[in-house]
Amino acid sequence: MAWEAPHLLPLVLLVLLASGSWEQHPLLLQKLEGEEVSVRCDYPAQNSSKTKTWCRATEAGTCTLLVNQPRLGEEPGNPRYVIRDYPGEGYFTVTMTALEEKDSGLYWCGLHESSRLNVLRAISLVVSRGLPPALALSEPQVMAIVLTFGFVLNKGLVFSVLFVLLRKDRASGEPNPGEQQSHPSRS
């Protein structure tokens, strides 16, 4: 049995590394300029009274605070960033509106404790320029175009089939107008 312990150590380390690596990779979210993004951050129920935080990570490994809930201090804050807490459910959501290309970056949501942030989730946000507003279509508009095109295509197909069937029926049942019909004469 003594020989089993050293063999279990790599297995335990592998499990610990794998569980830690899941939290190291941020969730990638891709949005277009002008859109909004909402992120859900789950927390343990016993932490429901702690301050919820949304911040932007810096290259130095620190975080620039964007919004807290409840707000720390008297500053009005930026209305583009909103936190809604659902303590009975054990999560809060962060919404960023009117996204711009310069908003691309790494964000953290977490619980603010004393002078440190307990990171709950890392988000890698990529904001791209979209089509010009005149060319951009909403989902309902795209769906209407697809359905209309499908309807027109379907009707065209049905009429084509009917046309072919009618021509075939006429060709088999009626003589051509240029041909003369001969009727047996009665004597």
N, C-alpha and C. Protein backbone atom coordinates (compact mmCIF):
# COMPACT_ATOMS: atom_id res chain seq x y z
N MET A 1 0.80 -1.19 0.00
CA MET A 1 0.00 0.00 0.00
C MET A 1 0.85 1.26 0.00
N ALA A 2 2.04 1.19 0.57
CA ALA A 2 2.88 2.38 0.65
C ALA A 2 3.29 2.86 -0.73
N TRP A 3 3.38 1.97 -1.68
CA TRP A 3 3.80 2.36 -3.02
C TRP A 3 2.70 3.12 -3.77
N GLU A 4 1.45 3.06 -3.32
CA GLU A 4 0.35 3.72 -4.00
C GLU A 4 0.35 5.24 -3.77
N ALA A 5 0.75 5.71 -2.64
CA ALA A 5 0.70 7.13 -2.33
C ALA A 5 1.49 7.99 -3.31
N PRO A 6 2.77 7.63 -3.64
CA PRO A 6 3.49 8.46 -4.61
C PRO A 6 2.81 8.45 -5.99
N HIS A 7 2.14 7.37 -6.33
CA HIS A 7 1.48 7.32 -7.63
C HIS A 7 0.19 8.15 -7.65
N LEU A 8 -0.41 8.37 -6.49
CA LEU A 8 -1.62 9.18 -6.41
C LEU A 8 -1.33 10.67 -6.49
N LEU A 9 -0.13 11.09 -6.09
CA LEU A 9 0.21 12.51 -6.07
C LEU A 9 0.06 13.17 -7.45
N PRO A 10 0.61 12.57 -8.53
CA PRO A 10 0.40 13.22 -9.84
C PRO A 10 -1.08 13.31 -10.22
N LEU A 11 -1.86 12.32 -9.86
CA LEU A 11 -3.28 12.35 -10.17
C LEU A 11 -3.98 13.50 -9.44
N VAL A 12 -3.66 13.67 -8.15
CA VAL A 12 -4.24 14.76 -7.36
C VAL A 12 -3.80 16.11 -7.93
N LEU A 13 -2.53 16.25 -8.29
CA LEU A 13 -2.04 17.50 -8.87
C LEU A 13 -2.73 17.80 -10.20
N LEU A 14 -2.95 16.76 -11.00
CA LEU A 14 -3.64 16.94 -12.28
C LEU A 14 -5.05 17.46 -12.07
N VAL A 15 -5.76 16.89 -11.10
CA VAL A 15 -7.11 17.35 -10.80
C VAL A 15 -7.10 18.80 -10.32
N LEU A 16 -6.15 19.15 -9.46
CA LEU A 16 -6.06 20.52 -8.96
C LEU A 16 -5.73 21.50 -10.09
N LEU A 17 -4.81 21.11 -10.96
CA LEU A 17 -4.46 21.98 -12.08
C LEU A 17 -5.64 22.15 -13.03
N ALA A 18 -6.34 21.07 -13.31
CA ALA A 18 -7.47 21.15 -14.22
C ALA A 18 -8.57 22.03 -13.64
N SER A 19 -8.86 21.88 -12.36
CA SER A 19 -9.92 22.69 -11.76
C SER A 19 -9.53 24.15 -11.73
N GLY A 20 -8.27 24.46 -11.50
CA GLY A 20 -7.82 25.84 -11.49
C GLY A 20 -7.77 26.45 -12.87
N SER A 21 -7.49 25.62 -13.89
CA SER A 21 -7.35 26.16 -15.23
C SER A 21 -8.69 26.59 -15.81
N TRP A 22 -9.79 25.99 -15.35
CA TRP A 22 -11.09 26.41 -15.84
C TRP A 22 -11.37 27.85 -15.47
N GLU A 23 -10.94 28.27 -14.31
CA GLU A 23 -11.20 29.63 -13.87
C GLU A 23 -10.22 30.63 -14.48
N GLN A 24 -9.10 30.14 -15.01
CA GLN A 24 -8.10 31.03 -15.58
C GLN A 24 -8.50 31.53 -16.96
N HIS A 25 -9.31 30.77 -17.68
CA HIS A 25 -9.69 31.15 -19.04
C HIS A 25 -10.96 31.99 -19.01
N PRO A 26 -10.86 33.25 -19.45
CA PRO A 26 -12.05 34.11 -19.44
C PRO A 26 -13.05 33.68 -20.51
N LEU A 27 -14.30 33.98 -20.24
CA LEU A 27 -15.37 33.74 -21.21
C LEU A 27 -15.25 34.81 -22.30
N LEU A 28 -15.24 34.39 -23.57
CA LEU A 28 -15.12 35.31 -24.68
C LEU A 28 -16.52 35.74 -25.13
N LEU A 29 -16.75 37.04 -25.13
CA LEU A 29 -18.01 37.61 -25.62
C LEU A 29 -17.70 38.57 -26.76
N GLN A 30 -18.39 38.38 -27.90
CA GLN A 30 -18.18 39.24 -29.05
C GLN A 30 -19.45 40.04 -29.30
N LYS A 31 -19.30 41.34 -29.41
CA LYS A 31 -20.43 42.25 -29.62
C LYS A 31 -20.08 43.27 -30.68
N LEU A 32 -21.12 43.95 -31.18
CA LEU A 32 -20.94 45.03 -32.14
C LEU A 32 -21.09 46.37 -31.43
N GLU A 33 -20.48 47.40 -31.99
CA GLU A 33 -20.62 48.74 -31.42
C GLU A 33 -22.10 49.10 -31.32
N GLY A 34 -22.46 49.75 -30.21
CA GLY A 34 -23.83 50.17 -30.00
C GLY A 34 -24.67 49.15 -29.26
N GLU A 35 -24.23 47.90 -29.24
CA GLU A 35 -24.98 46.86 -28.54
C GLU A 35 -24.69 46.95 -27.05
N GLU A 36 -25.33 46.07 -26.28
CA GLU A 36 -25.04 45.98 -24.85
C GLU A 36 -24.65 44.54 -24.54
N VAL A 37 -24.01 44.37 -23.39
CA VAL A 37 -23.62 43.04 -22.94
C VAL A 37 -24.08 42.87 -21.50
N SER A 38 -24.60 41.70 -21.19
CA SER A 38 -24.98 41.38 -19.81
C SER A 38 -24.24 40.12 -19.39
N VAL A 39 -23.71 40.16 -18.18
CA VAL A 39 -22.93 39.05 -17.64
C VAL A 39 -23.53 38.64 -16.30
N ARG A 40 -23.67 37.33 -16.10
CA ARG A 40 -24.17 36.80 -14.83
C ARG A 40 -22.98 36.33 -14.01
N CYS A 41 -22.97 36.74 -12.75
CA CYS A 41 -21.90 36.37 -11.82
C CYS A 41 -22.52 35.70 -10.61
N ASP A 42 -22.25 34.41 -10.45
CA ASP A 42 -22.79 33.64 -9.32
C ASP A 42 -21.87 33.78 -8.11
N TYR A 43 -22.49 33.78 -6.92
CA TYR A 43 -21.70 33.85 -5.68
C TYR A 43 -22.37 32.99 -4.62
N PRO A 44 -21.59 32.54 -3.63
CA PRO A 44 -22.17 31.74 -2.55
C PRO A 44 -23.18 32.57 -1.75
N ALA A 45 -24.26 31.93 -1.31
CA ALA A 45 -25.35 32.62 -0.60
C ALA A 45 -24.85 33.39 0.63
N GLN A 46 -23.85 32.87 1.31
CA GLN A 46 -23.35 33.55 2.52
C GLN A 46 -22.66 34.87 2.20
N ASN A 47 -22.40 35.14 0.92
CA ASN A 47 -21.75 36.40 0.52
C ASN A 47 -22.74 37.42 -0.03
N SER A 48 -24.02 37.22 0.19
CA SER A 48 -25.03 38.11 -0.40
C SER A 48 -24.92 39.56 0.09
N SER A 49 -24.37 39.79 1.27
CA SER A 49 -24.28 41.15 1.79
C SER A 49 -23.00 41.86 1.35
N LYS A 50 -22.10 41.16 0.69
CA LYS A 50 -20.84 41.78 0.25
C LYS A 50 -21.06 42.66 -0.97
N THR A 51 -20.19 43.62 -1.17
CA THR A 51 -20.28 44.56 -2.28
C THR A 51 -19.93 43.86 -3.59
N LYS A 52 -20.83 43.98 -4.57
CA LYS A 52 -20.61 43.39 -5.89
C LYS A 52 -19.86 44.41 -6.74
N THR A 53 -18.88 43.92 -7.53
CA THR A 53 -18.00 44.82 -8.27
C THR A 53 -17.83 44.38 -9.71
N TRP A 54 -17.74 45.36 -10.61
CA TRP A 54 -17.41 45.14 -12.02
C TRP A 54 -16.25 46.06 -12.33
N CYS A 55 -15.15 45.49 -12.84
CA CYS A 55 -13.98 46.30 -13.13
C CYS A 55 -13.28 45.81 -14.38
N ARG A 56 -12.41 46.67 -14.90
CA ARG A 56 -11.64 46.33 -16.10
C ARG A 56 -10.21 46.03 -15.67
N ALA A 57 -9.74 44.85 -16.07
CA ALA A 57 -8.39 44.43 -15.70
C ALA A 57 -7.34 45.26 -16.45
N THR A 58 -6.25 45.54 -15.78
CA THR A 58 -5.15 46.29 -16.40
C THR A 58 -3.99 45.33 -16.66
N GLU A 59 -3.03 45.80 -17.44
CA GLU A 59 -1.85 44.97 -17.74
C GLU A 59 -1.06 44.65 -16.49
N ALA A 60 -1.12 45.50 -15.49
CA ALA A 60 -0.36 45.29 -14.26
C ALA A 60 -1.03 44.28 -13.34
N GLY A 61 -2.18 43.74 -13.77
CA GLY A 61 -2.86 42.75 -12.94
C GLY A 61 -3.79 43.37 -11.91
N THR A 62 -3.97 44.68 -11.99
CA THR A 62 -4.93 45.33 -11.09
C THR A 62 -6.23 45.52 -11.85
N CYS A 63 -7.15 46.23 -11.21
CA CYS A 63 -8.46 46.36 -11.80
C CYS A 63 -8.97 47.79 -11.63
N THR A 64 -9.46 48.39 -12.72
CA THR A 64 -10.03 49.72 -12.66
C THR A 64 -11.53 49.58 -12.39
N LEU A 65 -11.97 50.09 -11.25
CA LEU A 65 -13.36 49.97 -10.84
C LEU A 65 -14.29 50.73 -11.79
N LEU A 66 -15.35 50.04 -12.25
CA LEU A 66 -16.34 50.68 -13.12
C LEU A 66 -17.65 50.91 -12.38
N VAL A 67 -18.07 49.94 -11.55
CA VAL A 67 -19.31 50.10 -10.79
C VAL A 67 -19.32 49.11 -9.62
N ASN A 68 -19.92 49.55 -8.52
CA ASN A 68 -20.13 48.72 -7.33
C ASN A 68 -21.61 48.69 -6.99
N GLN A 69 -22.03 47.67 -6.31
CA GLN A 69 -23.40 47.61 -5.80
C GLN A 69 -23.35 47.03 -4.39
N PRO A 70 -23.70 47.70 -3.37
CA PRO A 70 -24.12 49.10 -3.36
C PRO A 70 -22.93 50.01 -3.64
N ARG A 71 -23.23 51.22 -4.09
CA ARG A 71 -22.18 52.17 -4.45
C ARG A 71 -21.35 52.52 -3.21
N LEU A 72 -20.04 52.58 -3.45
CA LEU A 72 -19.13 53.02 -2.40
C LEU A 72 -18.84 54.49 -2.63
N GLY A 73 -19.24 55.32 -1.73
CA GLY A 73 -19.02 56.75 -1.91
C GLY A 73 -20.26 57.42 -2.48
N GLU A 74 -20.14 58.69 -2.75
CA GLU A 74 -21.28 59.48 -3.19
C GLU A 74 -21.28 59.79 -4.69
N GLU A 75 -20.24 59.32 -5.42
CA GLU A 75 -20.18 59.65 -6.83
C GLU A 75 -21.36 59.03 -7.58
N PRO A 76 -21.88 59.73 -8.60
CA PRO A 76 -23.06 59.23 -9.31
C PRO A 76 -22.78 57.99 -10.15
N GLY A 77 -21.55 57.82 -10.61
CA GLY A 77 -21.23 56.66 -11.42
C GLY A 77 -21.61 56.85 -12.88
N ASN A 78 -21.18 55.95 -13.71
CA ASN A 78 -21.45 56.01 -15.14
C ASN A 78 -22.71 55.19 -15.43
N PRO A 79 -23.72 55.79 -16.05
CA PRO A 79 -24.97 55.07 -16.31
C PRO A 79 -24.83 53.93 -17.32
N ARG A 80 -23.69 53.84 -18.00
CA ARG A 80 -23.46 52.73 -18.93
C ARG A 80 -23.26 51.40 -18.21
N TYR A 81 -22.89 51.45 -16.92
CA TYR A 81 -22.60 50.23 -16.15
C TYR A 81 -23.65 50.08 -15.06
N VAL A 82 -24.35 48.95 -15.08
CA VAL A 82 -25.41 48.72 -14.09
C VAL A 82 -25.23 47.32 -13.49
N ILE A 83 -25.32 47.25 -12.16
CA ILE A 83 -25.32 45.96 -11.47
C ILE A 83 -26.70 45.76 -10.86
N ARG A 84 -27.27 44.59 -11.09
CA ARG A 84 -28.53 44.20 -10.45
C ARG A 84 -28.25 42.95 -9.64
N ASP A 85 -28.49 43.04 -8.35
CA ASP A 85 -28.20 41.93 -7.44
C ASP A 85 -29.47 41.13 -7.15
N TYR A 86 -29.34 39.83 -7.14
CA TYR A 86 -30.43 38.90 -6.81
C TYR A 86 -29.94 38.01 -5.67
N PRO A 87 -29.89 38.58 -4.44
CA PRO A 87 -29.30 37.85 -3.31
C PRO A 87 -30.03 36.55 -2.98
N GLY A 88 -31.33 36.52 -3.17
CA GLY A 88 -32.08 35.29 -2.89
C GLY A 88 -31.73 34.18 -3.87
N GLU A 89 -31.24 34.56 -5.06
CA GLU A 89 -30.87 33.59 -6.09
C GLU A 89 -29.37 33.28 -6.09
N GLY A 90 -28.59 34.13 -5.44
CA GLY A 90 -27.15 33.89 -5.36
C GLY A 90 -26.37 34.33 -6.60
N TYR A 91 -26.84 35.41 -7.26
CA TYR A 91 -26.08 35.93 -8.39
C TYR A 91 -26.41 37.41 -8.59
N PHE A 92 -25.56 38.07 -9.37
CA PHE A 92 -25.85 39.42 -9.81
C PHE A 92 -25.52 39.52 -11.30
N THR A 93 -26.14 40.49 -11.97
CA THR A 93 -25.84 40.70 -13.38
C THR A 93 -25.21 42.07 -13.55
N VAL A 94 -24.33 42.15 -14.52
CA VAL A 94 -23.69 43.41 -14.88
C VAL A 94 -24.08 43.68 -16.33
N THR A 95 -24.53 44.89 -16.60
CA THR A 95 -24.88 45.28 -17.97
C THR A 95 -24.06 46.49 -18.36
N MET A 96 -23.44 46.39 -19.53
CA MET A 96 -22.71 47.52 -20.13
C MET A 96 -23.47 47.88 -21.40
N THR A 97 -23.84 49.17 -21.53
CA THR A 97 -24.61 49.60 -22.69
C THR A 97 -23.75 50.47 -23.61
N ALA A 98 -24.28 50.73 -24.81
CA ALA A 98 -23.64 51.61 -25.80
C ALA A 98 -22.16 51.25 -25.99
N LEU A 99 -21.92 49.97 -26.28
CA LEU A 99 -20.54 49.50 -26.42
C LEU A 99 -19.81 50.18 -27.56
N GLU A 100 -18.52 50.40 -27.36
CA GLU A 100 -17.64 50.99 -28.37
C GLU A 100 -16.45 50.05 -28.54
N GLU A 101 -15.78 50.21 -29.66
CA GLU A 101 -14.62 49.35 -29.95
C GLU A 101 -13.58 49.45 -28.84
N LYS A 102 -13.43 50.63 -28.25
CA LYS A 102 -12.43 50.83 -27.20
C LYS A 102 -12.80 50.12 -25.90
N ASP A 103 -14.04 49.57 -25.79
CA ASP A 103 -14.43 48.81 -24.61
C ASP A 103 -13.88 47.39 -24.63
N SER A 104 -13.27 46.98 -25.73
CA SER A 104 -12.68 45.64 -25.81
C SER A 104 -11.62 45.49 -24.73
N GLY A 105 -11.64 44.33 -24.05
CA GLY A 105 -10.66 44.09 -23.02
C GLY A 105 -11.11 43.01 -22.06
N LEU A 106 -10.35 42.85 -20.99
CA LEU A 106 -10.62 41.84 -19.96
C LEU A 106 -11.33 42.50 -18.78
N TYR A 107 -12.44 41.89 -18.37
CA TYR A 107 -13.24 42.41 -17.25
C TYR A 107 -13.38 41.33 -16.19
N TRP A 108 -13.55 41.79 -14.95
CA TRP A 108 -13.77 40.88 -13.84
C TRP A 108 -15.03 41.29 -13.10
N CYS A 109 -15.81 40.31 -12.70
CA CYS A 109 -16.87 40.59 -11.74
C CYS A 109 -16.48 39.86 -10.47
N GLY A 110 -16.79 40.47 -9.35
CA GLY A 110 -16.37 39.85 -8.09
C GLY A 110 -17.01 40.49 -6.89
N LEU A 111 -16.55 40.02 -5.74
CA LEU A 111 -17.01 40.53 -4.45
C LEU A 111 -15.88 41.33 -3.83
N HIS A 112 -16.19 42.56 -3.46
CA HIS A 112 -15.20 43.45 -2.86
C HIS A 112 -15.13 43.17 -1.37
N GLU A 113 -13.95 42.77 -0.91
CA GLU A 113 -13.75 42.48 0.50
C GLU A 113 -12.56 43.30 0.99
N SER A 114 -12.81 44.19 1.91
CA SER A 114 -11.77 45.08 2.44
C SER A 114 -11.11 45.80 1.27
N SER A 115 -9.83 45.53 1.04
CA SER A 115 -9.14 46.21 -0.06
C SER A 115 -8.83 45.26 -1.21
N ARG A 116 -9.47 44.10 -1.22
CA ARG A 116 -9.19 43.17 -2.31
C ARG A 116 -10.47 42.72 -3.00
N LEU A 117 -10.30 42.21 -4.21
CA LEU A 117 -11.42 41.73 -5.01
C LEU A 117 -11.35 40.22 -5.12
N ASN A 118 -12.40 39.55 -4.72
CA ASN A 118 -12.52 38.11 -4.90
C ASN A 118 -13.18 37.91 -6.27
N VAL A 119 -12.38 37.57 -7.29
CA VAL A 119 -12.87 37.46 -8.66
C VAL A 119 -13.76 36.23 -8.81
N LEU A 120 -14.98 36.46 -9.28
CA LEU A 120 -15.92 35.37 -9.51
C LEU A 120 -15.86 34.89 -10.95
N ARG A 121 -15.62 35.82 -11.87
CA ARG A 121 -15.66 35.48 -13.29
C ARG A 121 -14.83 36.46 -14.08
N ALA A 122 -14.15 35.96 -15.11
CA ALA A 122 -13.37 36.80 -16.01
C ALA A 122 -14.03 36.77 -17.39
N ILE A 123 -14.16 37.95 -17.99
CA ILE A 123 -14.82 38.09 -19.29
C ILE A 123 -13.87 38.80 -20.24
N SER A 124 -13.65 38.20 -21.40
CA SER A 124 -12.87 38.85 -22.45
C SER A 124 -13.88 39.38 -23.47
N LEU A 125 -14.00 40.69 -23.52
CA LEU A 125 -14.98 41.33 -24.39
C LEU A 125 -14.30 41.87 -25.64
N VAL A 126 -14.86 41.51 -26.80
CA VAL A 126 -14.36 42.01 -28.08
C VAL A 126 -15.51 42.75 -28.75
N VAL A 127 -15.32 44.06 -28.94
CA VAL A 127 -16.34 44.88 -29.58
C VAL A 127 -15.83 45.28 -30.96
N SER A 128 -16.62 44.98 -31.98
CA SER A 128 -16.23 45.28 -33.36
C SER A 128 -17.17 46.31 -33.96
N ARG A 129 -16.65 46.95 -34.98
CA ARG A 129 -17.51 47.86 -35.73
C ARG A 129 -18.49 47.02 -36.53
N GLY A 130 -19.72 47.44 -36.55
CA GLY A 130 -20.74 46.71 -37.30
C GLY A 130 -20.99 47.37 -38.64
N LEU A 131 -22.05 46.94 -39.28
CA LEU A 131 -22.47 47.57 -40.53
C LEU A 131 -22.97 48.97 -40.23
N PRO A 132 -22.94 49.86 -41.21
CA PRO A 132 -23.54 51.18 -40.99
C PRO A 132 -25.01 51.00 -40.61
N PRO A 133 -25.56 51.86 -39.77
CA PRO A 133 -26.94 51.69 -39.29
C PRO A 133 -27.94 51.48 -40.42
N ALA A 134 -27.73 52.10 -41.58
CA ALA A 134 -28.69 51.94 -42.68
C ALA A 134 -28.67 50.51 -43.21
N LEU A 135 -27.53 49.81 -43.08
CA LEU A 135 -27.41 48.45 -43.60
C LEU A 135 -27.64 47.39 -42.52
N ALA A 136 -27.59 47.77 -41.29
CA ALA A 136 -27.74 46.81 -40.21
C ALA A 136 -29.21 46.40 -40.10
N LEU A 137 -29.44 45.11 -39.92
CA LEU A 137 -30.80 44.59 -39.81
C LEU A 137 -30.95 43.89 -38.47
N SER A 138 -32.13 44.06 -37.88
CA SER A 138 -32.41 43.36 -36.63
C SER A 138 -32.82 41.92 -36.95
N GLU A 139 -32.86 41.08 -35.93
CA GLU A 139 -33.26 39.68 -36.12
C GLU A 139 -34.66 39.56 -36.73
N PRO A 140 -35.66 40.32 -36.24
CA PRO A 140 -36.98 40.21 -36.87
C PRO A 140 -36.97 40.62 -38.34
N GLN A 141 -36.16 41.63 -38.70
CA GLN A 141 -36.08 42.05 -40.10
C GLN A 141 -35.47 40.95 -40.96
N VAL A 142 -34.42 40.32 -40.47
CA VAL A 142 -33.79 39.23 -41.22
C VAL A 142 -34.77 38.08 -41.37
N MET A 143 -35.48 37.75 -40.30
CA MET A 143 -36.46 36.66 -40.36
C MET A 143 -37.56 36.98 -41.37
N ALA A 144 -38.03 38.22 -41.42
CA ALA A 144 -39.07 38.61 -42.37
C ALA A 144 -38.56 38.48 -43.81
N ILE A 145 -37.33 38.87 -44.05
CA ILE A 145 -36.75 38.76 -45.39
C ILE A 145 -36.64 37.29 -45.79
N VAL A 146 -36.14 36.45 -44.90
CA VAL A 146 -35.99 35.03 -45.19
C VAL A 146 -37.35 34.40 -45.47
N LEU A 147 -38.34 34.69 -44.63
CA LEU A 147 -39.67 34.13 -44.83
C LEU A 147 -40.30 34.61 -46.14
N THR A 148 -40.16 35.90 -46.46
CA THR A 148 -40.70 36.43 -47.70
C THR A 148 -40.04 35.77 -48.90
N PHE A 149 -38.73 35.67 -48.87
CA PHE A 149 -38.00 35.03 -49.97
C PHE A 149 -38.45 33.57 -50.12
N GLY A 150 -38.58 32.88 -49.01
CA GLY A 150 -39.03 31.49 -49.05
C GLY A 150 -40.44 31.37 -49.61
N PHE A 151 -41.32 32.28 -49.23
CA PHE A 151 -42.70 32.28 -49.72
C PHE A 151 -42.73 32.50 -51.23
N VAL A 152 -41.97 33.50 -51.71
CA VAL A 152 -41.93 33.80 -53.14
C VAL A 152 -41.32 32.63 -53.91
N LEU A 153 -40.25 32.06 -53.40
CA LEU A 153 -39.62 30.92 -54.04
C LEU A 153 -40.58 29.73 -54.10
N ASN A 154 -41.29 29.49 -53.02
CA ASN A 154 -42.25 28.39 -52.96
C ASN A 154 -43.37 28.60 -53.98
N LYS A 155 -43.92 29.80 -54.04
CA LYS A 155 -45.00 30.10 -55.00
C LYS A 155 -44.49 29.93 -56.43
N GLY A 156 -43.31 30.39 -56.72
CA GLY A 156 -42.74 30.24 -58.06
C GLY A 156 -42.58 28.78 -58.43
N LEU A 157 -42.15 27.97 -57.49
CA LEU A 157 -42.00 26.55 -57.73
C LEU A 157 -43.35 25.88 -57.99
N VAL A 158 -44.37 26.22 -57.22
CA VAL A 158 -45.71 25.65 -57.40
C VAL A 158 -46.26 26.05 -58.76
N PHE A 159 -46.14 27.32 -59.15
CA PHE A 159 -46.64 27.76 -60.45
C PHE A 159 -45.89 27.08 -61.60
N SER A 160 -44.59 26.88 -61.44
CA SER A 160 -43.82 26.19 -62.48
C SER A 160 -44.29 24.77 -62.67
N VAL A 161 -44.54 24.06 -61.58
CA VAL A 161 -45.02 22.68 -61.65
C VAL A 161 -46.40 22.65 -62.30
N LEU A 162 -47.30 23.56 -61.91
CA LEU A 162 -48.64 23.61 -62.50
C LEU A 162 -48.58 23.90 -63.99
N PHE A 163 -47.70 24.82 -64.39
CA PHE A 163 -47.54 25.16 -65.79
C PHE A 163 -47.09 23.94 -66.60
N VAL A 164 -46.12 23.22 -66.09
CA VAL A 164 -45.62 22.02 -66.79
C VAL A 164 -46.73 20.98 -66.88
N LEU A 165 -47.47 20.76 -65.80
CA LEU A 165 -48.55 19.77 -65.82
C LEU A 165 -49.65 20.17 -66.80
N LEU A 166 -50.02 21.43 -66.86
CA LEU A 166 -51.05 21.88 -67.79
C LEU A 166 -50.60 21.72 -69.24
N ARG A 167 -49.37 22.04 -69.51
CA ARG A 167 -48.84 21.89 -70.88
C ARG A 167 -48.84 20.43 -71.28
N LYS A 168 -48.43 19.57 -70.34
CA LYS A 168 -48.40 18.15 -70.61
C LYS A 168 -49.82 17.63 -70.87
N ASP A 169 -50.78 18.10 -70.07
CA ASP A 169 -52.18 17.67 -70.22
C ASP A 169 -52.73 18.14 -71.57
N ARG A 170 -52.45 19.35 -71.96
CA ARG A 170 -52.92 19.89 -73.23
C ARG A 170 -52.29 19.14 -74.40
N ALA A 171 -51.01 18.85 -74.26
CA ALA A 171 -50.31 18.17 -75.36
C ALA A 171 -50.88 16.77 -75.58
N SER A 172 -51.33 16.13 -74.56
CA SER A 172 -51.85 14.77 -74.73
C SER A 172 -53.32 14.75 -75.10
N GLY A 173 -54.09 15.80 -74.84
CA GLY A 173 -55.52 15.76 -75.06
C GLY A 173 -56.02 16.60 -76.21
N GLU A 174 -55.32 17.59 -76.63
CA GLU A 174 -55.82 18.49 -77.68
C GLU A 174 -54.88 18.47 -78.87
N PRO A 175 -55.42 18.54 -80.05
CA PRO A 175 -54.55 18.63 -81.23
C PRO A 175 -53.99 20.04 -81.36
N ASN A 176 -52.93 20.13 -82.10
CA ASN A 176 -52.34 21.44 -82.36
C ASN A 176 -53.26 22.22 -83.26
N PRO A 177 -53.35 23.52 -83.10
CA PRO A 177 -54.26 24.31 -83.92
C PRO A 177 -53.89 24.27 -85.40
N GLY A 178 -52.68 24.02 -85.78
CA GLY A 178 -52.25 24.00 -87.17
C GLY A 178 -52.66 22.71 -87.88
N GLU A 179 -52.95 21.69 -87.16
CA GLU A 179 -53.35 20.43 -87.77
C GLU A 179 -54.84 20.42 -88.02
N GLN A 180 -55.24 19.79 -89.12
CA GLN A 180 -56.66 19.67 -89.41
C GLN A 180 -57.11 18.31 -88.96
N GLN A 181 -58.29 18.30 -88.43
CA GLN A 181 -58.82 17.04 -87.99
C GLN A 181 -59.63 16.44 -89.13
N SER A 182 -59.47 15.17 -89.30
CA SER A 182 -60.29 14.51 -90.32
C SER A 182 -61.40 13.76 -89.62
N HIS A 183 -62.60 14.02 -90.07
CA HIS A 183 -63.77 13.35 -89.52
C HIS A 183 -64.28 12.38 -90.57
N PRO A 184 -64.62 11.23 -90.14
CA PRO A 184 -65.18 10.31 -91.14
C PRO A 184 -66.49 10.87 -91.66
N SER A 185 -66.67 10.84 -92.96
CA SER A 185 -67.91 11.36 -93.53
C SER A 185 -68.96 10.26 -93.57
N ARG A 186 -70.13 10.74 -93.41
CA ARG A 186 -71.24 9.80 -93.43
C ARG A 186 -71.78 9.69 -94.85
N SER A 187 -72.03 8.54 -95.22
CA SER A 187 -72.60 8.38 -96.55
C SER A 187 -74.02 7.94 -96.51
